[in-house]
C-alpha cells in the first residue's frame, strides 16, 4: 500500500496503444474476494466509489468520453 502521491510499479512492463509506461499514468486499486463465487461486498464497492471520487477530485482527473 502506498500513499496516493507515491508512484507505484503496479503495471510492470506494460503497454496500451502508444503508452509504454502505464505506471506513470494509471492507478492500481485492488479489492479482494476469494476469486471464485463470492461477489464483492456492498461495503467494498461503496468504499471504492468514495476513493475514486476523492482521487478524481484531488487530482482533477477528467471524465473519459468515449
Protein backbone atom coordinates (compact mmCIF):
# COMPACT_ATOMS: atom_id res chain seq x y z
CA UNK A 1 0.00 0.00 0.00
CA UNK A 2 1.25 3.42 -0.95
CA UNK A 3 0.18 6.98 -0.33
CA UNK A 4 -1.70 8.31 -3.34
CA UNK A 5 1.13 10.72 -4.22
CA UNK A 6 3.80 7.96 -4.44
CA UNK A 7 4.48 6.25 -7.74
CA UNK A 8 3.71 2.55 -7.80
CA UNK A 9 5.04 -0.14 -10.09
CA UNK A 10 1.70 -1.96 -10.23
CA UNK A 11 1.57 -2.25 -14.04
CA UNK A 12 5.03 -3.75 -14.52
CA UNK A 13 6.33 -3.74 -18.08
CA UNK A 14 3.18 -2.75 -19.91
CA UNK A 15 1.82 -1.03 -22.99
CA UNK A 16 -1.57 0.35 -24.03
CA UNK A 17 -1.76 1.85 -27.50
CA UNK A 18 1.16 4.26 -27.75
CA UNK A 19 1.66 4.43 -23.98
CA UNK A 20 4.69 2.37 -22.99
CA UNK A 21 4.81 3.29 -19.29
CA UNK A 22 1.46 2.58 -17.68
CA UNK A 23 2.93 3.14 -14.21
CA UNK A 24 3.14 6.87 -14.99
CA UNK A 25 -0.49 7.30 -15.99
CA UNK A 26 -2.59 4.69 -14.21
CA UNK A 27 -3.75 3.67 -10.76
CA UNK A 28 -3.65 0.18 -9.32
CA UNK A 29 -6.53 -0.39 -6.90
CA UNK A 30 -7.32 -3.86 -5.63
CA UNK A 31 -10.41 -5.08 -3.83
CA UNK A 32 -10.43 -8.62 -2.51
CA UNK A 33 -12.67 -11.65 -2.52
CA UNK A 34 -11.99 -15.36 -2.95
CA UNK A 35 -11.81 -15.02 -6.74
CA UNK A 36 -14.42 -17.66 -7.36
CA UNK A 37 -18.05 -17.42 -6.31
CA UNK A 38 -18.01 -14.57 -3.78
CA UNK A 39 -19.23 -11.24 -5.04
CA UNK A 40 -17.62 -8.05 -3.83
CA UNK A 41 -19.48 -6.74 -0.80
CA UNK A 42 -21.53 -3.56 -0.83
CA UNK A 43 -19.07 -2.10 1.69
CA UNK A 44 -16.15 -2.79 -0.69
CA UNK A 45 -17.92 -1.25 -3.68
CA UNK A 46 -19.05 1.79 -1.67
CA UNK A 47 -15.51 2.33 -0.31
CA UNK A 48 -14.12 2.04 -3.85
CA UNK A 49 -16.60 4.61 -5.17
CA UNK A 50 -15.66 7.03 -2.38
CA UNK A 51 -11.95 6.52 -3.04
CA UNK A 52 -12.36 7.06 -6.78
CA UNK A 53 -14.38 10.25 -6.20
CA UNK A 54 -11.67 11.53 -3.85
CA UNK A 55 -8.85 10.77 -6.30
CA UNK A 56 -10.79 12.25 -9.22
CA UNK A 57 -11.40 15.48 -7.30
CA UNK A 58 -7.96 15.68 -5.69
CA UNK A 59 -6.04 15.20 -8.94
CA UNK A 60 -8.53 16.83 -11.33
CA UNK A 61 -8.99 13.65 -13.34
CA UNK A 62 -11.41 14.38 -16.20
CA UNK A 63 -14.31 12.17 -17.18
CA UNK A 64 -13.38 9.85 -20.01
CA UNK A 65 -15.57 10.44 -23.04
CA UNK A 66 -15.63 7.51 -25.45
